[in-house]
Protein backbone atom coordinates (compact mmCIF):
# COMPACT_ATOMS: atom_id res chain seq x y z
CA MET A 1 100.07 107.38 84.71
CA PHE A 2 101.67 104.17 86.02
CA ASP A 3 99.10 101.51 85.10
CA PHE A 4 99.54 98.56 87.47
CA ALA A 5 98.68 96.09 84.72
CA HIS A 6 101.26 97.37 82.23
CA SER A 7 105.05 97.49 82.03
CA LEU A 8 107.08 100.67 81.56
CA LYS A 9 108.71 101.49 78.24
CA PHE A 10 112.36 102.59 78.37
CA LYS A 11 114.64 103.84 75.62
CA GLU A 12 117.63 101.59 75.02
CA LYS A 13 120.60 102.84 77.07
CA ASP A 14 123.75 101.21 78.42
CA ILE A 15 122.95 101.89 82.12
CA ASP A 16 119.71 100.66 83.66
CA LEU A 17 119.95 102.38 87.05
CA LEU A 18 122.03 105.28 88.36
CA THR A 19 122.01 105.73 92.14
CA VAL A 20 123.26 109.07 93.43
CA GLY A 21 124.03 109.69 97.08
CA GLU A 22 125.68 108.26 100.15
CA LEU A 23 128.28 105.50 100.19
CA LEU A 24 129.22 104.79 103.79
CA VAL A 25 130.12 102.22 106.42
CA ASP A 26 127.39 100.62 108.57
CA MET A 27 128.62 99.63 112.03
CA ILE A 28 125.95 97.14 113.16
CA SER A 29 125.70 95.64 116.64
CA GLU A 30 126.23 91.95 117.17
CA GLY A 31 123.10 91.65 119.34
CA TYR A 32 119.72 93.29 119.75
CA SER A 33 119.07 96.16 122.13
CA ASP A 34 117.02 99.32 122.53
CA SER A 35 119.50 100.91 124.95
CA TYR A 36 122.81 100.83 123.00
CA GLU A 37 124.33 98.53 125.62
CA TYR A 38 126.23 96.37 123.14
CA SER A 39 129.97 96.90 122.79
CA MET A 40 130.56 94.62 119.79
CA TYR A 41 129.85 96.09 116.34
CA HIS A 42 130.79 94.77 112.92
CA ARG A 43 131.65 96.75 109.77
CA TYR A 44 129.42 96.44 106.70
CA PHE A 45 129.22 98.06 103.30
CA GLY A 46 126.39 100.63 103.41
CA GLY A 47 124.62 103.68 102.07
CA SER A 48 121.12 103.24 100.71
CA PRO A 49 121.72 104.19 97.04
CA ALA A 50 124.88 102.07 96.90
CA ASN A 51 123.05 99.16 98.54
CA ILE A 52 120.37 99.35 95.85
CA ALA A 53 122.96 99.37 93.08
CA MET A 54 124.79 96.36 94.55
CA ASN A 55 121.55 94.43 95.01
CA SER A 56 120.22 95.21 91.55
CA LYS A 57 123.44 94.06 89.88
CA ARG A 58 123.11 90.72 91.62
CA LEU A 59 119.47 90.55 90.53
CA GLY A 60 120.49 90.97 86.91
CA ILE A 61 120.52 94.61 85.68
CA ARG A 62 123.22 97.23 84.96
CA PRO A 63 123.61 99.80 87.76
CA LEU A 64 126.12 102.58 88.42
CA VAL A 65 126.92 104.31 91.73
CA ALA A 66 127.69 108.04 92.03
CA SER A 67 129.00 108.83 95.53
CA ALA A 68 131.86 110.42 97.47
CA VAL A 69 134.23 108.71 99.95
CA GLY A 70 137.23 109.87 101.92
CA ASN A 71 140.88 109.23 101.15
CA ASP A 72 141.10 106.82 104.07
CA GLY A 73 140.90 103.16 104.94
CA LEU A 74 137.12 103.10 105.18
CA GLY A 75 136.82 104.74 101.76
CA LEU A 76 139.18 102.13 100.34
CA PHE A 77 137.10 99.37 101.99
CA LEU A 78 133.95 100.66 100.26
CA VAL A 79 135.51 101.09 96.83
CA GLU A 80 137.15 97.66 96.95
CA HIS A 81 133.81 96.16 97.95
CA LEU A 82 132.23 97.67 94.82
CA GLN A 83 135.09 96.50 92.63
CA ARG A 84 134.95 92.92 93.94
CA ALA A 85 131.28 92.89 92.95
CA GLY A 86 132.24 93.93 89.41
CA MET A 87 130.88 97.46 89.79
CA ASP A 88 132.15 100.44 87.81
CA THR A 89 133.60 102.96 90.31
CA SER A 90 134.27 105.79 87.82
CA CYS A 91 131.59 107.98 89.43
CA VAL A 92 132.85 107.47 92.99
CA GLN A 93 134.60 110.71 93.93
CA HIS A 94 137.50 110.78 96.45
CA VAL A 95 137.50 113.83 98.72
CA ASN A 96 139.52 115.19 101.65
CA GLU A 97 136.94 114.37 104.32
CA ALA A 98 136.53 111.31 106.52
CA THR A 99 134.37 108.57 105.03
CA SER A 100 130.86 108.78 106.49
CA LEU A 101 129.54 106.05 108.75
CA VAL A 102 126.37 105.06 110.60
CA VAL A 103 126.19 103.17 113.89
CA VAL A 104 123.14 100.90 114.09
CA THR A 105 122.03 98.81 117.07
CA LYS A 106 119.99 95.92 115.70
CA SER A 107 116.26 96.01 116.34
CA LYS A 108 113.32 93.71 115.66
CA SER A 109 111.38 96.80 114.55
CA THR A 110 112.95 99.95 113.06
CA PRO A 111 116.61 100.49 114.00
CA VAL A 112 117.59 103.95 115.26
CA PRO A 113 120.83 105.07 113.55
CA ILE A 114 123.54 107.45 114.76
CA PHE A 115 125.11 109.45 111.92
CA TYR A 116 128.76 110.48 111.48
CA ARG A 117 128.94 112.42 108.24
CA GLY A 118 131.96 113.61 106.28
CA ALA A 119 132.69 112.71 102.67
CA ASP A 120 129.19 111.71 101.58
CA TYR A 121 127.85 115.25 101.16
CA ARG A 122 130.89 116.45 99.17
CA LEU A 123 129.65 114.86 95.94
CA THR A 124 129.60 117.38 93.08
CA TYR A 125 127.99 117.42 89.63
CA THR A 126 130.92 116.49 87.42
CA GLU A 127 130.99 115.82 83.70
CA GLU A 128 131.30 112.09 84.51
CA LEU A 129 128.08 112.24 86.53
CA ARG A 130 126.26 114.19 83.81
CA SER A 131 127.37 111.69 81.16
CA ALA A 132 126.17 108.78 83.31
CA LEU A 133 122.80 110.44 83.86
CA LEU A 134 122.21 110.81 80.12
CA ARG A 135 123.04 107.12 79.65
CA THR A 136 120.67 105.71 82.28
CA LYS A 137 116.99 104.70 82.26
CA ILE A 138 116.32 105.36 85.97
CA VAL A 139 117.94 107.70 88.48
CA HIS A 140 117.50 107.15 92.22
CA PHE A 141 118.33 109.33 95.21
CA SER A 142 117.25 109.73 98.83
CA CYS A 143 116.98 112.47 101.48
CA TRP A 144 120.60 112.03 102.53
CA PRO A 145 122.17 114.09 99.75
CA LEU A 146 119.38 116.66 99.87
CA SER A 147 120.16 117.48 103.50
CA ARG A 148 123.54 119.18 102.94
CA GLN A 149 125.44 121.30 100.46
CA PRO A 150 127.23 120.95 98.08
CA VAL A 151 125.67 117.60 97.18
CA ARG A 152 122.16 119.12 97.34
CA SER A 153 123.00 121.32 94.36
CA ALA A 154 124.29 118.28 92.51
CA ILE A 155 121.02 116.43 93.10
CA GLU A 156 118.99 119.43 91.98
CA GLN A 157 120.96 119.46 88.72
CA VAL A 158 120.48 115.70 88.37
CA ILE A 159 116.72 116.16 88.64
CA ARG A 160 116.66 118.97 86.07
CA ASP A 161 118.73 117.05 83.53
CA ALA A 162 116.82 113.80 84.16
CA ARG A 163 113.46 115.43 83.51
CA ARG A 164 114.76 117.14 80.36
CA ASN A 165 116.05 113.84 78.99
CA GLY A 166 113.23 111.43 79.84
CA VAL A 167 114.99 109.64 82.71
CA LEU A 168 112.65 108.13 85.32
CA VAL A 169 113.13 110.09 88.60
CA CYS A 170 112.77 107.97 91.75
CA PHE A 171 113.08 109.23 95.32
CA ASP A 172 113.32 107.59 98.72
CA PRO A 173 111.83 110.24 101.07
CA ASN A 174 113.64 108.80 104.11
CA TYR A 175 113.61 112.11 105.96
CA HIS A 176 115.37 112.14 109.33
CA PRO A 177 115.80 115.47 111.18
CA ALA A 178 119.25 114.49 112.48
CA LEU A 179 120.64 114.68 108.94
CA TRP A 180 119.80 118.35 108.49
CA GLU A 181 121.64 121.47 109.60
CA LYS A 182 120.28 122.96 112.81
CA GLY A 183 117.50 125.46 112.12
CA GLU A 184 116.80 124.30 108.55
CA ASP A 185 113.27 123.19 107.67
CA GLY A 186 114.02 119.93 105.93
CA VAL A 187 110.37 118.93 105.69
CA LYS A 188 109.49 122.09 103.80
CA TYR A 189 112.37 121.53 101.40
CA ILE A 190 111.47 117.88 100.74
CA LYS A 191 107.95 118.96 99.82
CA THR A 192 109.43 121.17 97.06
CA ILE A 193 111.21 118.12 95.61
CA LEU A 194 108.21 115.77 95.52
CA PRO A 195 106.44 117.49 92.57
CA GLN A 196 109.45 116.58 90.40
CA VAL A 197 109.38 112.88 91.31
CA ASP A 198 107.92 109.98 89.30
CA ILE A 199 108.11 107.23 91.97
CA ALA A 200 108.45 107.63 95.75
CA LYS A 201 108.59 104.85 98.35
CA PRO A 202 108.19 106.14 101.90
CA SER A 203 107.97 103.89 104.92
CA GLU A 204 105.32 104.58 107.56
CA ASP A 205 107.97 106.33 109.66
CA ASP A 206 109.06 108.46 106.69
CA ALA A 207 105.49 109.56 105.97
CA GLU A 208 104.86 110.38 109.62
CA ARG A 209 107.99 112.54 109.84
CA LEU A 210 106.90 114.48 106.76
CA PHE A 211 103.14 114.72 107.31
CA GLY A 212 102.34 113.61 110.86
CA LYS A 213 100.29 110.60 111.91
CA ASP A 214 97.54 109.47 109.56
CA THR A 215 96.08 106.41 107.85
CA PRO A 216 98.11 104.73 105.10
CA GLU A 217 95.53 105.78 102.50
CA ASN A 218 95.70 109.42 103.58
CA GLN A 219 99.50 109.37 103.59
CA LEU A 220 99.50 108.08 100.02
CA GLN A 221 97.16 110.86 98.97
CA LYS A 222 99.42 113.54 100.45
CA PHE A 223 102.30 112.42 98.24
CA LEU A 224 100.01 112.20 95.21
CA ASP A 225 98.62 115.67 95.89
CA LEU A 226 102.16 117.05 95.72
CA GLY A 227 102.63 115.54 92.27
CA VAL A 228 104.29 112.15 92.73
CA LYS A 229 103.06 109.82 89.98
CA LEU A 230 103.37 106.48 91.81
CA VAL A 231 103.56 106.22 95.61
CA ILE A 232 104.45 103.01 97.46
CA LEU A 233 104.03 103.06 101.24
CA THR A 234 105.79 100.14 102.93
CA LEU A 235 104.11 98.96 106.12
CA GLY A 236 106.60 96.53 107.67
CA LYS A 237 104.87 93.32 108.77
CA ASP A 238 101.67 94.57 107.11
CA GLY A 239 103.18 94.60 103.61
CA ALA A 240 102.69 97.64 101.41
CA ILE A 241 100.07 99.84 99.79
CA ALA A 242 100.56 101.66 96.48
CA SER A 243 98.62 104.18 94.41
CA ASN A 244 98.93 105.80 91.00
CA GLY A 245 96.24 108.35 91.80
CA GLN A 246 93.52 106.33 90.08
CA GLU A 247 93.89 102.91 91.65
CA THR A 248 95.20 101.68 95.00
CA VAL A 249 96.57 98.18 95.61
CA LYS A 250 97.39 96.47 98.90
CA MET A 251 99.96 93.69 99.19
CA ASP A 252 100.76 91.38 102.10
CA THR A 253 104.29 90.89 103.37
CA LEU A 254 106.17 87.83 102.12
CA ALA A 255 108.57 87.80 105.07
CA THR A 256 108.57 84.74 107.35
CA GLN A 257 111.83 85.36 109.25
CA VAL A 258 113.29 88.65 110.51
CA THR A 259 116.97 88.61 111.48
CA ASP A 260 117.91 92.22 110.68
CA THR A 261 115.72 94.98 109.23
CA THR A 262 118.68 97.08 108.04
CA GLY A 263 118.44 97.51 104.27
CA ALA A 264 114.98 95.99 103.87
CA GLY A 265 113.73 99.12 102.08
CA ASP A 266 116.77 99.09 99.81
CA ALA A 267 116.04 95.48 98.92
CA PHE A 268 112.47 96.44 98.01
CA TRP A 269 113.72 99.18 95.68
CA SER A 270 116.18 96.73 94.10
CA GLY A 271 113.52 94.15 93.33
CA LEU A 272 111.16 96.83 92.01
CA TYR A 273 113.75 98.41 89.70
CA THR A 274 115.05 95.12 88.38
CA ALA A 275 111.54 93.88 87.58
CA LEU A 276 110.60 97.16 85.87
CA ILE A 277 113.75 97.08 83.74
CA LYS A 278 113.11 93.43 82.83
CA GLY A 279 109.66 94.38 81.55
CA TYR A 280 107.33 93.09 84.26
CA PRO A 281 104.05 94.98 84.81
CA VAL A 282 104.09 97.49 87.65
CA ARG A 283 101.97 95.27 89.95
CA LYS A 284 104.34 92.32 89.45
CA ALA A 285 107.34 94.60 90.00
CA LEU A 286 105.89 95.59 93.37
CA GLU A 287 105.54 91.92 94.29
CA PHE A 288 109.18 91.33 93.36
CA GLY A 289 110.10 94.24 95.62
CA LEU A 290 108.35 92.56 98.54
CA ALA A 291 109.98 89.23 97.71
CA VAL A 292 113.53 90.59 97.61
CA SER A 293 112.90 92.48 100.84
CA ALA A 294 111.61 89.30 102.52
CA TYR A 295 114.72 87.42 101.40
CA LYS A 296 117.05 90.12 102.74
CA LEU A 297 115.32 90.20 106.15
CA GLN A 298 116.72 86.74 106.87
CA TYR A 299 120.30 88.06 106.95
CA THR A 300 122.42 90.63 108.79
CA GLY A 301 123.68 93.66 106.89
CA ALA A 302 122.18 95.92 104.28
CA VAL A 303 123.59 93.99 101.31
CA VAL A 304 123.38 90.21 101.01
CA GLU A 305 124.14 87.67 98.30
CA LEU A 306 121.02 87.70 96.14
CA PRO A 307 120.13 85.25 93.37
CA GLU A 308 118.92 86.48 89.99
CA LEU A 309 115.42 87.96 89.97
CA GLU A 310 113.73 85.04 88.22
CA THR A 311 114.58 82.80 91.21
CA PHE A 312 112.03 84.71 93.28
CA LYS A 313 109.16 83.80 90.93
CA THR A 314 109.13 80.24 92.20
CA LYS A 315 110.31 80.84 95.76
CA TYR A 316 107.60 83.43 96.47
CA GLN A 317 105.04 82.29 93.87
CA ILE A 318 104.97 85.57 91.98
């Protein structure tokens, strides 16, 4: 059980966090709209798992990204972005498909993305990926790679090998029906993955897509009933609620300014992982997640220049 008052114990390894999944370009509107009327969009580095890795490196731990990009200019843009940040790109695979991208019109609430997928779901389970998995403390993935083959098979193998080797399995259940092949029951499939997960962090929208409308407490319980060990439900302006099956904690948001919500969930994950790796108790790690998310919300784009984690202790009185 994840005791909120205690820190997690990890074996010493040379990678703290391995993120497996999409690396893509975010095309984000210059202004706000709910009708897609803006014609000016700017290119940003994106892809939730890659965002988390970039953020966590800036916060002070050792991440590695496993993704697939196309042999094109956008793929080069993404890889060079990782390299400029000092990231190891040995697990970024180059494939003969167009680099995936997402078009996002900025919103004060939850942005509605439009997906253009190509290279991201061509990631395969290579020996390099297997080696990285055995060298990491935490592995993270989201619904994106689970929604298509062949990357789904790679993720399934990642989960099997992670569980056999004591790697913490963490899952962002950011289910969106538009990502799945027509006629496939993505919700049913996701529910088969949850029993194999240690930590899951759905948003309210994620939980509703998977289970329908309900209270936050009931949504938490549904994830717990399927076997997730620690569930964190983020509630936007209302903060977050988390449960380990024995105890439930509620936390207020730390955000005071919202410029762009893109990547706020990724920032939460980044703060949480970094704090857990640095030895903070689970409850404090959750507070760091909220703090990093609040900081990110002030800026446009999924990845921003973050200070080291300890800076947030004073800024947000953690």
